[in-house]
Amino acid sequence: MKRFCIAMLLSLFCVVLPFEAMAGKGELLTLKMHDSKIYPGTERKITVYVPQEYDGRTPACLWVSMSGPSGLTAEILDRMIGAGELPTIIGVFIGPGQIRNAEGSAVRYNRSNELDAMDGRYAKFIETEVLPAVCKLKTSDGRGVRLSARAADRAIYGNSSGGICAFNVAWQRPDLFSRVYASCGTFVSFRGGDQFPALIRKCEPRPIRVFLQDNDKDTWNPLFGSWFEYNQMVLSALQFAGYDVNHSWDEGGHSSQNARRIMPDVLRWLWRGWPAAVEKGRSGSKTLASILVEGEEWRCVADNIPAGAMLHPYSEERIVMVAGRNKELVATDGSRSKAKGRVTLSDPYTAIFPGGVHTAKRIEGSNWVWDYINMPDGKLSHGQRFYFLYADAGQILYDGAGYLYVASSVGIQVCDHNGRVRTILSLPGGAVESIAFAGHNLFAISDGKLYVRRLQRTGTHSGRPKQESQG
């Protein structure tokens, strides 16, 4: 990618300057947050940029940055919005959390815990704490802050730990953000970020557009590996998985200077085609292509599912959903009826391979599933820790081809005959609590909702699948 020559002034360690001292026309608002429920005890500063073009009535687009509160970045937005190069965007610049003692001294720096984590906490923090607080603010002339809820109207940016955080937030919650700019991202072994290249390749592609920037000598701390090398691997994985992705590899070390320089061009690329939504791409995974039916997505057929509810197979058209003493039959169209008479329930944590040669068993609190050989006398033998997972195993089951499906916090992990995760089916709610097949339809409970999706694979076991080779 060519090098851009437009200068920008954004740094992870920048000083907030009075907006009146700049050439912009918008306004900066300041918000101090204390005692987050998600990050208890933390306090932080949030700066909000509101452009002059914002009328106070029409919900604005959103730009979130984890790389410091910055009136200087607001100047870039201000100029480009005024020139009609960008839609009306409100910028939210979130500082890292700290915990201070009674004397005001920091006793815990929460930056890495917040930004480098691979879970969904920071996305939830933005959704449930930051944005509601921002929407209570008003400009000096009385305009209240109103933000669009469309992912297509939202972009997120970060440098360094903020870079991996920006990607992770959109990865975890593509319903919240669909445009990502990650510079010098710490996709290294801080808190599991080095797993992203593998996860991107194996998971269904999300509807997000990604711009990566890094510098060829980016290794702030060589203990954790080459940061530039991992950014290159993330790019390769995104390309394989069919994402709309672009990048700029520049000269230099761990610095936001080049990211600042190309910011206007990156913004134009990220927002091109707006207000159209960002479409998800087509993955290069042959396994994923052999499982999914093109055009078939997850359908939510019920919500307010009680915590702890479990799904069990029943027939080609229906599954059994058990919540406490209540047993319901659920059809693929979502219709529900009370189960009558005696209903045989499966062991959700044990699965028998089609044809009966193997038995898989989940071990609670482990990211392994054990596999046993079924002996002629009915005993289980030769047990081994066999199926390796990316997160703790939940409910397990086999499809008719002998692939093991595992409900987990990262989605539905699908393992081949040799115990390797081949692909991960992603749900809108993220973590999956329970799964069950009804013929070609796979049901799943996620975030208190019941989903169903038609697949090429089936839960019907007819015959014994041919054992796959060692490759």
Protein backbone atom coordinates (compact mmCIF):
# COMPACT_ATOMS: atom_id res chain seq x y z
CA MET A 1 0.00 0.00 0.00
CA LYS A 2 1.36 3.45 -0.86
CA ARG A 3 2.52 5.74 1.89
CA PHE A 4 0.33 8.75 2.62
CA CYS A 5 1.64 12.25 3.28
CA ILE A 6 -1.22 13.85 5.23
CA ALA A 7 0.01 14.71 8.73
CA MET A 8 -2.02 13.98 11.84
CA LEU A 9 -1.53 14.71 15.50
CA LEU A 10 -2.67 11.77 17.59
CA SER A 11 -0.59 10.00 20.19
CA LEU A 12 -1.35 7.44 22.84
CA PHE A 13 0.22 9.84 25.33
CA CYS A 14 -1.09 13.11 23.93
CA VAL A 15 -2.08 16.08 26.06
CA VAL A 16 -5.65 17.32 25.73
CA LEU A 17 -5.60 20.90 24.41
CA PRO A 18 -8.46 23.40 24.63
CA PHE A 19 -10.57 22.99 21.53
CA GLU A 20 -10.81 26.76 21.16
CA ALA A 21 -7.08 26.77 20.38
CA MET A 22 -7.64 24.73 17.22
CA ALA A 23 -9.12 25.47 13.85
CA GLY A 24 -12.18 23.26 14.31
CA LYS A 25 -15.79 24.33 14.71
CA GLY A 26 -17.15 21.59 16.92
CA GLU A 27 -17.13 21.27 20.69
CA LEU A 28 -15.38 19.02 23.20
CA LEU A 29 -17.20 17.77 26.27
CA THR A 30 -15.52 16.11 29.24
CA LEU A 31 -16.89 13.26 31.29
CA LYS A 32 -15.32 11.58 34.32
CA MET A 33 -16.46 8.06 35.10
CA HIS A 34 -16.09 6.39 38.49
CA ASP A 35 -16.65 2.91 39.89
CA SER A 36 -17.58 0.88 36.83
CA LYS A 37 -19.58 -2.28 37.45
CA ILE A 38 -17.57 -4.11 34.81
CA TYR A 39 -14.21 -2.75 36.02
CA PRO A 40 -14.91 -2.11 39.73
CA GLY A 41 -13.15 0.77 41.43
CA THR A 42 -11.79 2.35 38.25
CA GLU A 43 -11.94 5.99 37.31
CA ARG A 44 -11.24 7.46 33.90
CA LYS A 45 -11.67 10.51 31.71
CA ILE A 46 -13.78 10.47 28.56
CA THR A 47 -13.72 13.28 26.00
CA VAL A 48 -16.61 13.67 23.57
CA TYR A 49 -16.35 15.56 20.29
CA VAL A 50 -19.60 16.98 18.88
CA PRO A 51 -19.39 18.52 15.38
CA GLN A 52 -21.10 21.76 14.50
CA GLU A 53 -23.08 19.90 11.81
CA TYR A 54 -24.85 17.78 14.45
CA ASP A 55 -28.41 19.12 14.82
CA GLY A 56 -29.28 17.48 18.14
CA ARG A 57 -32.24 15.62 16.62
CA THR A 58 -30.86 13.13 14.12
CA PRO A 59 -28.78 10.37 15.74
CA ALA A 60 -25.16 10.82 14.72
CA CYS A 61 -22.62 8.26 13.59
CA LEU A 62 -20.04 7.21 16.15
CA TRP A 63 -16.25 7.09 16.37
CA VAL A 64 -14.82 5.44 19.49
CA SER A 65 -11.12 5.63 20.33
CA MET A 66 -9.24 3.92 23.14
CA SER A 67 -6.03 5.79 22.42
CA GLY A 68 -6.49 8.80 24.63
CA PRO A 69 -8.96 11.66 24.85
CA SER A 70 -7.90 13.95 22.03
CA GLY A 71 -9.10 17.29 20.78
CA LEU A 72 -6.42 16.92 18.13
CA THR A 73 -8.12 13.90 16.55
CA ALA A 74 -11.39 15.80 16.76
CA GLU A 75 -9.85 18.42 14.51
CA ILE A 76 -9.40 15.81 11.77
CA LEU A 77 -13.01 14.69 12.12
CA ASP A 78 -14.12 18.31 12.18
CA ARG A 79 -12.34 19.18 8.96
CA MET A 80 -13.48 16.08 7.07
CA ILE A 81 -17.10 16.31 8.25
CA GLY A 82 -17.18 19.97 7.26
CA ALA A 83 -15.83 19.09 3.81
CA GLY A 84 -18.50 16.44 3.32
CA GLU A 85 -15.96 13.58 3.26
CA LEU A 86 -17.52 11.91 6.29
CA PRO A 87 -21.03 11.70 7.72
CA THR A 88 -21.87 13.59 10.90
CA ILE A 89 -19.82 11.74 13.52
CA ILE A 90 -19.63 12.16 17.28
CA GLY A 91 -16.26 11.08 18.67
CA VAL A 92 -15.89 9.35 22.03
CA PHE A 93 -12.31 9.12 23.35
CA ILE A 94 -12.01 6.73 26.30
CA GLY A 95 -9.09 6.88 28.70
CA PRO A 96 -7.82 3.76 30.49
CA GLY A 97 -9.08 3.00 33.97
CA GLN A 98 -7.07 3.43 37.15
CA ILE A 99 -7.76 2.74 40.79
CA ARG A 100 -6.48 5.37 43.22
CA ASN A 101 -6.07 5.36 46.97
CA ALA A 102 -7.30 8.04 49.38
CA GLU A 103 -4.19 10.12 48.67
CA GLY A 104 -4.90 10.07 44.94
CA SER A 105 -2.02 7.78 43.99
CA ALA A 106 -2.67 5.04 41.44
CA VAL A 107 -2.63 1.59 43.05
CA ARG A 108 -3.73 -0.31 39.93
CA TYR A 109 -3.35 0.48 36.25
CA ASN A 110 -6.15 -1.27 34.41
CA ARG A 111 -5.15 -0.54 30.82
CA SER A 112 -3.88 -3.97 29.79
CA ASN A 113 -6.62 -5.76 31.72
CA GLU A 114 -9.22 -3.77 29.79
CA LEU A 115 -7.70 -3.49 26.33
CA ASP A 116 -5.66 -6.67 25.78
CA ALA A 117 -8.29 -9.11 27.03
CA MET A 118 -9.84 -11.52 24.54
CA ASP A 119 -13.30 -11.55 26.11
CA GLY A 120 -16.36 -9.38 25.59
CA ARG A 121 -16.06 -7.21 28.71
CA TYR A 122 -14.86 -4.05 26.99
CA ALA A 123 -17.58 -4.24 24.34
CA LYS A 124 -20.12 -4.56 27.17
CA PHE A 125 -18.44 -1.66 28.97
CA ILE A 126 -18.86 0.58 25.93
CA GLU A 127 -22.42 -0.55 25.32
CA THR A 128 -23.80 -0.46 28.86
CA GLU A 129 -21.70 2.14 30.68
CA VAL A 130 -19.82 4.51 28.37
CA LEU A 131 -22.42 5.27 25.71
CA PRO A 132 -25.36 5.68 28.13
CA ALA A 133 -23.24 8.17 30.09
CA VAL A 134 -22.25 10.00 26.91
CA CYS A 135 -25.89 10.26 25.84
CA LYS A 136 -26.67 12.22 29.01
CA LEU A 137 -24.35 15.05 27.94
CA LYS A 138 -25.39 18.31 26.30
CA THR A 139 -23.43 20.85 24.29
CA SER A 140 -23.10 24.45 25.42
CA ASP A 141 -26.07 25.39 23.22
CA GLY A 142 -28.26 22.62 24.66
CA ARG A 143 -27.99 19.89 22.03
CA GLY A 144 -28.30 16.46 23.63
CA VAL A 145 -26.05 13.67 22.39
CA ARG A 146 -27.92 11.09 20.34
CA LEU A 147 -26.07 8.19 18.71
CA SER A 148 -27.12 5.82 15.96
CA ALA A 149 -27.46 2.19 17.05
CA ARG A 150 -26.60 0.83 13.57
CA ALA A 151 -23.29 -1.00 13.38
CA ALA A 152 -22.86 0.47 9.89
CA ASP A 153 -22.83 3.94 11.50
CA ARG A 154 -20.06 3.09 13.97
CA ALA A 155 -16.29 2.88 13.77
CA ILE A 156 -13.70 2.08 16.44
CA TYR A 157 -9.99 2.88 16.63
CA GLY A 158 -7.05 2.13 18.87
CA ASN A 159 -3.25 2.07 18.90
CA SER A 160 -1.11 -0.59 20.60
CA SER A 161 -3.29 -2.28 23.23
CA GLY A 162 -6.07 -0.04 21.94
CA GLY A 163 -5.50 -1.59 18.50
CA ILE A 164 -6.25 -5.15 19.53
CA CYS A 165 -9.10 -3.82 21.67
CA ALA A 166 -10.69 -2.06 18.69
CA PHE A 167 -10.57 -5.27 16.68
CA ASN A 168 -11.75 -7.43 19.57
CA VAL A 169 -14.74 -5.19 20.34
CA ALA A 170 -15.98 -5.42 16.74
CA TRP A 171 -15.09 -9.13 16.58
CA GLN A 172 -17.07 -9.85 19.74
CA ARG A 173 -19.93 -7.50 18.85
CA PRO A 174 -20.29 -6.86 15.11
CA ASP A 175 -23.80 -5.67 15.97
CA LEU A 176 -22.18 -2.67 17.72
CA PHE A 177 -19.29 -1.76 15.36
CA SER A 178 -18.58 -2.65 11.75
CA ARG A 179 -15.60 -0.37 10.92
CA VAL A 180 -12.21 -0.95 12.59
CA TYR A 181 -8.86 0.84 12.51
CA ALA A 182 -6.17 -0.99 14.49
CA SER A 183 -2.65 0.41 14.55
CA CYS A 184 0.36 -1.37 16.13
CA GLY A 185 -2.11 -3.84 17.62
CA THR A 186 -0.78 -6.09 20.39
CA PHE A 187 -1.80 -9.38 18.77
CA VAL A 188 0.85 -11.09 20.91
CA SER A 189 0.92 -13.29 24.00
CA PHE A 190 -0.21 -10.68 26.53
CA ARG A 191 -3.65 -12.12 27.27
CA GLY A 192 -4.23 -14.56 24.42
CA GLY A 193 -4.17 -12.13 21.50
CA ASP A 194 -1.72 -14.42 19.70
CA GLN A 195 -4.66 -16.80 19.12
CA PHE A 196 -6.44 -14.36 16.84
CA PRO A 197 -4.81 -15.51 13.55
CA ALA A 198 -6.07 -19.06 14.20
CA LEU A 199 -9.50 -17.97 15.43
CA ILE A 200 -10.05 -15.65 12.46
CA ARG A 201 -9.33 -18.51 10.06
CA LYS A 202 -11.63 -20.94 11.84
CA CYS A 203 -14.59 -18.72 12.74
CA GLU A 204 -17.35 -17.62 10.45
CA PRO A 205 -16.48 -14.20 9.04
CA ARG A 206 -18.11 -11.25 10.77
CA PRO A 207 -19.62 -8.26 8.88
CA ILE A 208 -16.75 -5.90 9.75
CA ARG A 209 -14.30 -3.85 7.65
CA VAL A 210 -10.75 -3.70 9.01
CA PHE A 211 -7.72 -1.48 8.38
CA LEU A 212 -4.43 -2.60 9.96
CA GLN A 213 -1.36 -0.39 10.35
CA ASP A 214 1.99 -1.35 11.79
CA ASN A 215 5.68 -0.53 11.56
CA ASP A 216 8.45 -2.88 10.46
CA LYS A 217 10.42 -2.63 13.73
CA ASP A 218 7.41 -2.82 16.04
CA THR A 219 8.55 -4.89 19.02
CA TRP A 220 8.10 -2.84 22.13
CA ASN A 221 8.79 -5.85 24.35
CA PRO A 222 10.44 -8.84 22.59
CA LEU A 223 9.46 -11.15 25.47
CA PHE A 224 6.00 -11.45 23.90
CA GLY A 225 7.12 -11.97 20.29
CA SER A 226 7.31 -9.82 17.18
CA TRP A 227 4.36 -7.45 17.08
CA PHE A 228 4.85 -6.72 13.39
CA GLU A 229 4.94 -10.45 12.57
CA TYR A 230 1.65 -11.05 14.40
CA ASN A 231 -0.02 -8.12 12.62
CA GLN A 232 1.05 -9.68 9.33
CA MET A 233 -0.46 -13.02 10.41
CA VAL A 234 -3.71 -11.28 11.36
CA LEU A 235 -3.82 -9.68 7.90
CA SER A 236 -3.23 -13.06 6.22
CA ALA A 237 -5.98 -14.65 8.32
CA LEU A 238 -8.46 -11.88 7.52
CA GLN A 239 -7.72 -12.23 3.82
CA PHE A 240 -8.23 -16.02 4.00
CA ALA A 241 -11.51 -15.56 5.85
CA GLY A 242 -12.86 -13.18 3.20
CA TYR A 243 -12.87 -9.91 5.14
CA ASP A 244 -12.89 -6.46 3.57
CA VAL A 245 -9.41 -5.62 4.86
CA ASN A 246 -6.68 -3.13 3.99
CA HIS A 247 -3.32 -2.32 5.55
CA SER A 248 -0.28 -0.06 5.63
CA TRP A 249 3.12 -1.40 6.69
CA ASP A 250 5.47 1.48 7.41
CA GLU A 251 8.99 2.10 8.65
CA GLY A 252 9.59 2.66 12.34
CA GLY A 253 9.12 1.21 15.79
CA HIS A 254 6.21 1.06 18.22
CA SER A 255 4.67 4.45 17.54
CA SER A 256 1.36 5.96 16.49
CA GLN A 257 3.07 8.54 14.26
CA ASN A 258 2.42 6.72 10.97
CA ALA A 259 -1.10 5.81 12.03
CA ARG A 260 -1.77 9.50 12.60
CA ARG A 261 -0.25 10.46 9.27
CA ILE A 262 -2.58 8.24 7.22
CA MET A 263 -5.68 8.73 9.38
CA PRO A 264 -7.67 10.83 6.84
CA ASP A 265 -7.14 8.28 4.08
CA VAL A 266 -8.04 5.43 6.41
CA LEU A 267 -11.24 7.22 7.41
CA ARG A 268 -12.21 7.64 3.76
CA TRP A 269 -11.61 3.93 3.15
CA LEU A 270 -13.50 2.79 6.24
CA TRP A 271 -16.55 4.93 5.51
CA ARG A 272 -16.72 4.35 1.77
CA GLY A 273 -20.15 3.25 0.61
CA TRP A 274 -21.86 4.57 3.73
CA PRO A 275 -24.72 4.36 4.70
CA ALA A 276 -24.76 0.84 3.23
CA ALA A 277 -24.01 -1.88 5.77
CA VAL A 278 -20.71 -3.75 5.72
CA GLU A 279 -21.29 -7.23 4.33
CA LYS A 280 -19.51 -10.30 5.65
CA GLY A 281 -17.22 -12.07 3.21
CA ARG A 282 -16.82 -15.66 2.08
CA SER A 283 -14.28 -17.69 4.04
CA GLY A 284 -11.69 -19.87 2.34
CA SER A 285 -12.44 -22.68 4.83
CA LYS A 286 -13.54 -25.84 3.01
CA THR A 287 -14.83 -27.29 6.27
CA LEU A 288 -17.06 -24.28 6.85
CA ALA A 289 -18.31 -24.53 3.26
CA SER A 290 -19.17 -28.22 3.81
CA ILE A 291 -21.24 -27.42 6.91
CA LEU A 292 -23.10 -24.20 6.14
CA VAL A 293 -25.95 -23.74 3.69
CA GLU A 294 -25.42 -20.59 1.66
CA GLY A 295 -27.93 -17.92 2.59
CA GLU A 296 -29.04 -19.70 5.76
CA GLU A 297 -28.29 -17.69 8.91
CA TRP A 298 -29.17 -18.14 12.56
CA ARG A 299 -32.85 -17.38 13.23
CA CYS A 300 -33.96 -16.37 16.69
CA VAL A 301 -37.14 -18.34 17.40
CA ALA A 302 -37.56 -17.55 21.11
CA ASP A 303 -36.19 -15.19 23.72
CA ASN A 304 -36.32 -14.97 27.52
CA ILE A 305 -35.00 -18.52 27.75
CA PRO A 306 -34.41 -19.32 31.45
CA ALA A 307 -30.83 -19.62 32.66
CA GLY A 308 -29.71 -23.24 32.77
CA ALA A 309 -32.14 -24.43 30.09
CA MET A 310 -30.84 -27.42 28.15
CA LEU A 311 -31.62 -28.77 24.69
CA HIS A 312 -31.93 -32.47 23.79
CA PRO A 313 -32.53 -34.28 20.48
CA TYR A 314 -36.06 -35.59 19.90
CA SER A 315 -36.89 -36.08 16.21
CA GLU A 316 -36.04 -34.88 12.70
CA GLU A 317 -38.30 -31.83 13.18
CA ARG A 318 -38.20 -31.03 16.90
CA ILE A 319 -35.96 -30.89 19.95
CA VAL A 320 -36.74 -30.97 23.66
CA MET A 321 -35.99 -27.88 25.76
CA VAL A 322 -35.79 -28.53 29.50
CA ALA A 323 -35.91 -25.69 32.02
CA GLY A 324 -36.29 -26.96 35.58
CA ARG A 325 -39.26 -29.34 35.59
CA ASN A 326 -40.70 -27.84 32.42
CA LYS A 327 -40.19 -29.83 29.22
CA GLU A 328 -41.20 -28.36 25.86
CA LEU A 329 -40.99 -29.62 22.30
CA VAL A 330 -39.67 -26.92 19.95
CA ALA A 331 -40.08 -27.10 16.17
CA THR A 332 -37.83 -25.48 13.60
CA ASP A 333 -40.35 -22.68 13.09
CA GLY A 334 -40.17 -21.86 16.81
CA SER A 335 -43.56 -23.30 17.73
CA ARG A 336 -43.57 -24.82 21.20
CA SER A 337 -45.75 -27.40 22.89
CA LYS A 338 -45.64 -29.11 26.25
CA ALA A 339 -43.97 -32.52 26.15
CA LYS A 340 -46.42 -35.24 27.14
CA GLY A 341 -45.62 -38.61 28.60
CA ARG A 342 -42.14 -39.94 29.23
CA VAL A 343 -39.40 -38.16 27.26
CA THR A 344 -35.96 -39.75 27.06
CA LEU A 345 -33.24 -37.16 27.62
CA SER A 346 -29.67 -37.51 26.44
CA ASP A 347 -26.60 -36.94 28.58
CA PRO A 348 -25.56 -33.48 27.34
CA TYR A 349 -21.91 -34.05 28.25
CA THR A 350 -21.47 -37.46 26.61
CA ALA A 351 -21.65 -38.20 22.88
CA ILE A 352 -21.41 -41.50 21.00
CA PHE A 353 -19.65 -41.47 17.65
CA PRO A 354 -21.86 -42.61 14.73
CA GLY A 355 -21.64 -46.37 14.51
CA GLY A 356 -20.75 -46.64 18.17
CA VAL A 357 -16.98 -47.05 18.01
CA HIS A 358 -16.08 -44.05 20.21
CA THR A 359 -17.56 -42.23 23.20
CA ALA A 360 -16.63 -38.63 23.94
CA LYS A 361 -16.93 -37.19 27.44
CA ARG A 362 -16.64 -33.61 28.58
CA ILE A 363 -14.60 -32.92 31.71
CA GLU A 364 -16.05 -29.90 33.52
CA GLY A 365 -13.77 -26.88 33.66
CA SER A 366 -11.44 -28.24 30.97
CA ASN A 367 -10.70 -27.18 27.41
CA TRP A 368 -10.31 -30.84 26.50
CA VAL A 369 -12.86 -33.53 25.66
CA TRP A 370 -11.84 -37.09 26.41
CA ASP A 371 -12.33 -39.88 23.89
CA TYR A 372 -12.83 -43.57 24.74
CA ILE A 373 -13.04 -46.71 22.60
CA ASN A 374 -16.24 -48.73 23.09
CA MET A 375 -15.19 -52.33 23.77
CA PRO A 376 -17.26 -55.43 22.79
CA ASP A 377 -18.19 -56.04 26.43
CA GLY A 378 -19.70 -52.54 26.67
CA LYS A 379 -16.86 -51.04 28.70
CA LEU A 380 -15.02 -47.85 27.79
CA SER A 381 -11.28 -48.23 27.30
CA HIS A 382 -8.16 -46.43 26.07
CA GLY A 383 -9.38 -43.03 27.30
CA GLN A 384 -7.30 -40.07 26.19
CA ARG A 385 -7.49 -36.31 26.42
CA PHE A 386 -8.30 -36.04 22.72
CA TYR A 387 -10.32 -33.03 21.49
CA PHE A 388 -8.46 -29.74 22.05
CA LEU A 389 -10.63 -26.62 22.40
CA TYR A 390 -10.15 -22.85 22.57
CA ALA A 391 -12.39 -22.52 25.64
CA ASP A 392 -14.01 -24.68 28.31
CA ALA A 393 -16.25 -27.39 26.92
CA GLY A 394 -20.00 -27.33 27.48
CA GLN A 395 -22.58 -29.60 25.88
CA ILE A 396 -21.24 -31.93 23.17
CA LEU A 397 -22.76 -33.92 20.28
CA TYR A 398 -21.75 -35.55 16.99
CA ASP A 399 -23.13 -34.89 13.53
CA GLY A 400 -23.70 -37.69 11.07
CA ALA A 401 -20.21 -37.27 9.61
CA GLY A 402 -18.58 -37.87 12.99
CA TYR A 403 -17.61 -34.26 13.71
CA LEU A 404 -17.90 -33.24 17.35
CA TYR A 405 -19.86 -30.04 18.12
CA VAL A 406 -19.02 -28.32 21.41
CA ALA A 407 -20.98 -25.47 23.00
CA SER A 408 -18.55 -22.94 24.46
CA SER A 409 -17.90 -19.31 25.29
CA VAL A 410 -16.45 -18.66 21.81
CA GLY A 411 -19.32 -20.25 19.89
CA ILE A 412 -19.87 -23.80 18.63
CA GLN A 413 -16.47 -25.41 18.13
CA VAL A 414 -16.51 -28.16 15.50
CA CYS A 415 -13.78 -30.81 15.78
CA ASP A 416 -12.66 -33.33 13.17
CA HIS A 417 -12.02 -37.04 13.73
CA ASN A 418 -8.47 -36.31 14.88
CA GLY A 419 -9.58 -34.02 17.70
CA ARG A 420 -8.77 -30.65 16.12
CA VAL A 421 -11.07 -27.64 15.93
CA ARG A 422 -11.76 -27.21 12.23
CA THR A 423 -14.22 -24.36 12.44
CA ILE A 424 -16.27 -22.33 14.92
CA LEU A 425 -19.91 -21.44 14.27
CA SER A 426 -20.65 -17.97 15.59
CA LEU A 427 -23.92 -16.83 17.12
CA PRO A 428 -25.20 -13.26 17.59
CA GLY A 429 -25.08 -13.69 21.35
CA GLY A 430 -21.51 -15.01 21.36
CA ALA A 431 -21.27 -17.71 24.03
CA VAL A 432 -23.38 -20.84 23.54
CA GLU A 433 -24.94 -22.67 26.50
CA SER A 434 -26.67 -25.62 24.83
CA ILE A 435 -27.06 -27.28 21.41
CA ALA A 436 -29.14 -30.03 19.79
CA PHE A 437 -29.80 -31.33 16.27
CA ALA A 438 -33.21 -31.90 14.70
CA GLY A 439 -32.32 -33.46 11.36
CA HIS A 440 -30.43 -30.83 9.37
CA ASN A 441 -31.42 -28.08 11.83
CA LEU A 442 -29.05 -27.15 14.65
CA PHE A 443 -30.60 -25.44 17.69
CA ALA A 444 -28.57 -23.35 20.14
CA ILE A 445 -29.19 -21.26 23.25
CA SER A 446 -27.13 -18.10 23.40
CA ASP A 447 -27.53 -15.03 25.61
CA GLY A 448 -31.02 -16.05 26.75
CA LYS A 449 -32.30 -16.64 23.22
CA LEU A 450 -33.05 -19.78 21.23
CA TYR A 451 -31.66 -19.92 17.69
CA VAL A 452 -31.95 -22.42 14.86
CA ARG A 453 -29.99 -22.80 11.64
CA ARG A 454 -30.25 -25.23 8.75
CA LEU A 455 -26.94 -26.93 7.91
CA GLN A 456 -25.70 -29.37 5.29
CA ARG A 457 -24.76 -31.71 8.14
CA THR A 458 -27.36 -33.63 10.10
CA GLY A 459 -27.64 -35.01 13.59
CA THR A 460 -28.96 -38.30 12.23
CA HIS A 461 -26.47 -41.16 12.62
CA SER A 462 -26.87 -43.77 9.89
CA GLY A 463 -23.82 -45.97 9.58
CA ARG A 464 -20.25 -45.39 10.63
CA PRO A 465 -18.33 -42.56 8.90
CA LYS A 466 -15.02 -43.49 7.33
CA GLN A 467 -12.19 -42.58 9.69
CA GLU A 468 -10.25 -39.55 8.45
CA SER A 469 -6.54 -39.84 7.81
CA GLN A 470 -3.86 -38.36 10.04
CA GLY A 471 -3.44 -35.28 7.82
